Protein backbone atom coordinates (compact mmCIF):
# COMPACT_ATOMS: atom_id res chain seq x y z
CA MET A 1 207.86 13.34 65.42
CA SER A 2 210.50 14.72 63.07
CA SER A 3 213.45 12.73 61.85
CA PRO A 4 217.07 13.74 62.63
CA ALA A 5 217.48 14.91 59.01
CA GLU A 6 214.49 17.23 59.36
CA ARG A 7 215.77 18.61 62.68
CA SER A 8 219.21 19.27 61.18
CA ALA A 9 217.63 21.21 58.32
CA GLY A 10 216.16 23.69 60.82
CA THR A 11 212.62 24.75 61.50
CA ILE A 12 210.19 25.21 58.64
CA TYR A 13 210.70 28.97 58.99
CA GLN A 14 214.46 28.58 58.55
CA GLN A 15 213.91 26.28 55.59
CA VAL A 16 211.56 28.77 53.93
CA GLN A 17 213.94 31.63 54.66
CA ALA A 18 216.78 29.69 53.01
CA SER A 19 214.69 28.81 49.95
CA PRO A 20 215.38 30.46 46.57
CA GLU A 21 211.71 31.50 46.33
CA PHE A 22 211.89 33.44 49.60
CA ARG A 23 215.18 35.06 48.66
CA ALA A 24 213.72 36.16 45.31
CA TYR A 25 210.61 37.48 47.07
CA ARG A 26 212.69 39.40 49.63
CA SER A 27 214.94 40.79 46.90
CA ARG A 28 211.94 41.96 44.85
CA LEU A 29 210.45 43.66 47.91
CA ARG A 30 213.73 45.36 48.85
CA ARG A 31 214.34 46.57 45.29
CA TYR A 32 211.06 48.46 45.53
CA VAL A 33 210.86 49.53 49.17
CA PHE A 34 214.40 50.85 49.72
CA PRO A 35 214.49 53.22 46.72
CA MET A 36 210.97 54.50 47.43
CA THR A 37 211.91 55.12 51.06
CA ALA A 38 215.08 56.95 50.02
CA ILE A 39 213.16 59.10 47.53
CA PHE A 40 210.52 60.00 50.09
CA LEU A 41 213.07 60.81 52.80
CA ALA A 42 215.10 62.98 50.40
CA TRP A 43 211.94 64.82 49.38
CA TYR A 44 210.90 65.30 53.02
CA LEU A 45 214.37 66.47 54.09
CA ALA A 46 214.45 68.88 51.12
CA TYR A 47 211.19 70.38 52.39
CA VAL A 48 212.50 70.69 55.95
CA GLY A 49 215.79 72.10 54.69
CA LEU A 50 214.07 74.68 52.52
CA ALA A 51 211.77 75.67 55.36
CA SER A 52 214.73 76.04 57.72
CA TYR A 53 217.40 77.56 55.48
CA ALA A 54 215.49 79.26 52.67
CA PRO A 55 212.48 80.95 54.28
CA GLU A 56 212.63 83.75 51.69
CA PHE A 57 212.17 81.21 48.89
CA MET A 58 209.40 79.37 50.75
CA SER A 59 207.54 82.65 51.37
CA ILE A 60 207.40 83.64 47.70
CA ARG A 61 203.76 84.21 46.78
CA VAL A 62 202.61 82.19 43.80
CA VAL A 63 198.96 83.23 43.60
CA GLY A 64 197.32 85.52 46.14
CA THR A 65 198.27 84.20 49.58
CA ILE A 66 199.46 80.82 48.26
CA THR A 67 203.22 80.50 48.82
CA VAL A 68 205.87 78.13 47.52
CA GLY A 69 206.11 76.68 51.06
CA LEU A 70 202.41 75.88 51.11
CA LEU A 71 202.59 74.19 47.70
CA VAL A 72 205.65 72.16 48.69
CA GLY A 73 203.95 71.19 51.98
CA LEU A 74 200.82 70.07 50.15
CA GLY A 75 203.10 68.20 47.76
CA GLN A 76 204.25 66.16 50.76
CA PHE A 77 200.70 64.90 51.28
CA VAL A 78 200.22 64.21 47.57
CA SER A 79 203.50 62.30 47.37
CA THR A 80 202.60 60.24 50.44
CA PHE A 81 199.30 59.17 48.86
CA LEU A 82 201.02 58.51 45.53
CA ILE A 83 203.73 56.33 47.12
CA THR A 84 201.07 54.43 49.08
CA THR A 85 199.01 53.83 45.93
CA LEU A 86 202.06 52.69 44.00
CA TYR A 87 203.06 50.32 46.80
CA VAL A 88 199.58 48.78 46.98
CA ARG A 89 199.65 48.14 43.24
CA PHE A 90 203.16 46.70 43.47
CA ALA A 91 202.18 44.47 46.39
CA GLU A 92 199.09 43.17 44.62
CA ARG A 93 201.11 42.40 41.48
CA GLU A 94 204.44 41.16 42.89
CA ILE A 95 204.13 40.31 46.59
CA ASP A 96 200.73 38.88 47.46
CA GLY A 97 200.98 35.75 45.28
CA PRO A 98 204.40 34.57 46.50
CA THR A 99 203.44 35.42 50.08
CA ALA A 100 200.32 33.26 49.88
CA GLU A 101 202.36 30.38 48.43
CA LEU A 102 204.97 30.61 51.18
CA ARG A 103 202.27 30.84 53.85
CA ALA A 104 200.53 27.72 52.50
CA ARG A 105 203.87 25.89 52.45
CA VAL A 106 204.56 26.78 56.09
CA GLU A 107 201.05 25.87 57.20
CA GLN A 108 201.25 22.49 55.45
CA ALA A 109 204.59 21.78 57.11
CA GLU A 110 203.20 22.74 60.54
CA VAL A 111 200.25 20.41 60.09
CA ARG A 112 202.59 17.53 59.21
CA ALA A 113 204.82 18.18 62.23
């Protein structure tokens, strides 16, 4: 059974969420994810905008039947794979360790409760 002091401090999840380690972890994640999401969305909307409002530009032939639109469309796939690869590397380097530590802390607290 938990003491009144423990109950007033909130659940273990609230305690972890209020911890400086969790705030630093969340900040690190947001500093990476939000800019990458914004870059990808801008790139995607640029493609859609060009396809919608500049069809003449997108239909310019680069080599044979290969057009600018096709290259930009394929660039969407390449950028998606690149962003995914970069995120996996970032997560392995910056996220996985702190996540494992926080998980162990929560599991230990649950066992004690």
